[in-house]
Amino acid sequence: MKTHLSPGLFAFPTQSNFSGVQHPLTWVNLARELGYYVLLDAAAFVPSNRLDLGQVQPDFAPISLAMATASSPSA
């Protein structure tokens, strides 16, 4: 009996909040090629790095505006 499985979700942080390790953005394309939806957690990455979502193209990319503005003098 053949069943059709719906795609799963692959979620990973662009940068670890714990260690600061930055994970490869190429994981987005690899996961999508395998049929997964991709959630790219960019909350720790965005305050100190540039992220081009037009190039990387995850399905979901949560960020934290509080973290993004915490390092600015006007925050």
C-alpha atoms as a PDB file:
ATOM      1  CA  MET A   1       0.000   0.000   0.000  1.00  0.00           C
ATOM      2  CA  LYS A   2       1.495   3.304  -1.105  1.00  0.00           C
ATOM      3  CA  THR A   3       0.751   6.337   1.026  1.00  0.00           C
ATOM      4  CA  HIS A   4       1.411   9.962   0.205  1.00  0.00           C
ATOM      5  CA  LEU A   5       3.142  11.782   3.017  1.00  0.00           C
ATOM      6  CA  SER A   6       2.780  15.510   3.269  1.00  0.00           C
ATOM      7  CA  PRO A   7       6.020  17.469   3.437  1.00  0.00           C
ATOM      8  CA  GLY A   8       7.583  18.034   6.803  1.00  0.00           C
ATOM      9  CA  LEU A   9       9.157  21.105   8.348  1.00  0.00           C
ATOM     10  CA  PHE A  10      12.914  21.581   8.684  1.00  0.00           C
ATOM     11  CA  ALA A  11      13.681  24.334  11.193  1.00  0.00           C
ATOM     12  CA  PHE A  12      17.128  25.570  12.123  1.00  0.00           C
ATOM     13  CA  PRO A  13      18.748  28.722  13.487  1.00  0.00           C
ATOM     14  CA  THR A  14      20.960  30.749  11.194  1.00  0.00           C
ATOM     15  CA  GLN A  15      23.035  31.502  14.281  1.00  0.00           C
ATOM     16  CA  SER A  16      22.923  29.761  17.642  1.00  0.00           C
ATOM     17  CA  ASN A  17      21.878  31.929  20.595  1.00  0.00           C
ATOM     18  CA  PHE A  18      23.937  29.657  22.851  1.00  0.00           C
ATOM     19  CA  SER A  19      27.276  29.268  21.060  1.00  0.00           C
ATOM     20  CA  GLY A  20      27.154  31.855  18.275  1.00  0.00           C
ATOM     21  CA  VAL A  21      27.835  29.161  15.664  1.00  0.00           C
ATOM     22  CA  GLN A  22      26.474  30.139  12.244  1.00  0.00           C
ATOM     23  CA  HIS A  23      24.906  27.295  10.288  1.00  0.00           C
ATOM     24  CA  PRO A  24      25.213  27.073   6.478  1.00  0.00           C
ATOM     25  CA  LEU A  25      22.456  28.808   4.536  1.00  0.00           C
ATOM     26  CA  THR A  26      22.857  26.083   1.905  1.00  0.00           C
ATOM     27  CA  TRP A  27      20.791  23.887   4.244  1.00  0.00           C
ATOM     28  CA  VAL A  28      17.723  25.806   3.031  1.00  0.00           C
ATOM     29  CA  ASN A  29      18.094  24.561  -0.551  1.00  0.00           C
ATOM     30  CA  LEU A  30      19.038  21.041   0.532  1.00  0.00           C
ATOM     31  CA  ALA A  31      15.944  20.717   2.708  1.00  0.00           C
ATOM     32  CA  ARG A  32      13.673  22.147   0.015  1.00  0.00           C
ATOM     33  CA  GLU A  33      15.079  19.693  -2.547  1.00  0.00           C
ATOM     34  CA  LEU A  34      14.090  16.898  -0.153  1.00  0.00           C
ATOM     35  CA  GLY A  35      10.533  18.240  -0.033  1.00  0.00           C
ATOM     36  CA  TYR A  36      10.602  20.020   3.319  1.00  0.00           C
ATOM     37  CA  TYR A  37       9.202  23.403   4.185  1.00  0.00           C
ATOM     38  CA  VAL A  38      12.006  25.457   5.748  1.00  0.00           C
ATOM     39  CA  LEU A  39      11.835  27.683   8.802  1.00  0.00           C
ATOM     40  CA  LEU A  40      15.034  29.703   9.097  1.00  0.00           C
ATOM     41  CA  ASP A  41      15.259  31.227  12.584  1.00  0.00           C
ATOM     42  CA  ALA A  42      17.142  34.459  11.950  1.00  0.00           C
ATOM     43  CA  ALA A  43      16.568  36.152  15.327  1.00  0.00           C
ATOM     44  CA  ALA A  44      20.184  35.937  16.540  1.00  0.00           C
ATOM     45  CA  PHE A  45      21.700  36.418  13.071  1.00  0.00           C
ATOM     46  CA  VAL A  46      19.992  39.590  11.834  1.00  0.00           C
ATOM     47  CA  PRO A  47      21.260  42.093  14.449  1.00  0.00           C
ATOM     48  CA  SER A  48      24.875  41.686  13.291  1.00  0.00           C
ATOM     49  CA  ASN A  49      24.620  40.208   9.781  1.00  0.00           C
ATOM     50  CA  ARG A  50      22.879  40.907   6.506  1.00  0.00           C
ATOM     51  CA  LEU A  51      20.362  38.300   5.341  1.00  0.00           C
ATOM     52  CA  ASP A  52      19.036  38.444   1.768  1.00  0.00           C
ATOM     53  CA  LEU A  53      15.743  36.542   1.931  1.00  0.00           C
ATOM     54  CA  GLY A  54      15.331  36.996  -1.822  1.00  0.00           C
ATOM     55  CA  GLN A  55      18.414  34.870  -2.345  1.00  0.00           C
ATOM     56  CA  VAL A  56      18.069  32.336   0.474  1.00  0.00           C
ATOM     57  CA  GLN A  57      14.257  31.925   0.146  1.00  0.00           C
ATOM     58  CA  PRO A  58      13.130  29.989   3.216  1.00  0.00           C
ATOM     59  CA  ASP A  59       9.390  29.429   3.583  1.00  0.00           C
ATOM     60  CA  PHE A  60       9.378  31.091   7.010  1.00  0.00           C
ATOM     61  CA  ALA A  61      11.957  33.384   8.639  1.00  0.00           C
ATOM     62  CA  PRO A  62      11.121  34.653  12.126  1.00  0.00           C
ATOM     63  CA  ILE A  63      13.204  37.520  13.458  1.00  0.00           C
ATOM     64  CA  SER A  64      13.124  39.486  16.686  1.00  0.00           C
ATOM     65  CA  LEU A  65      12.723  43.231  16.354  1.00  0.00           C
ATOM     66  CA  ALA A  66      13.722  43.569  20.001  1.00  0.00           C
ATOM     67  CA  MET A  67      17.035  41.829  19.311  1.00  0.00           C
ATOM     68  CA  ALA A  68      17.567  43.768  16.079  1.00  0.00           C
ATOM     69  CA  THR A  69      17.173  47.134  17.828  1.00  0.00           C
ATOM     70  CA  ALA A  70      18.796  46.268  21.173  1.00  0.00           C
ATOM     71  CA  SER A  71      22.280  47.187  19.969  1.00  0.00           C
ATOM     72  CA  SER A  72      21.264  50.561  18.543  1.00  0.00           C
ATOM     73  CA  PRO A  73      21.857  53.667  20.685  1.00  0.00           C
ATOM     74  CA  SER A  74      18.263  54.850  20.237  1.00  0.00           C
ATOM     75  CA  ALA A  75      16.726  51.655  21.659  1.00  0.00           C
END
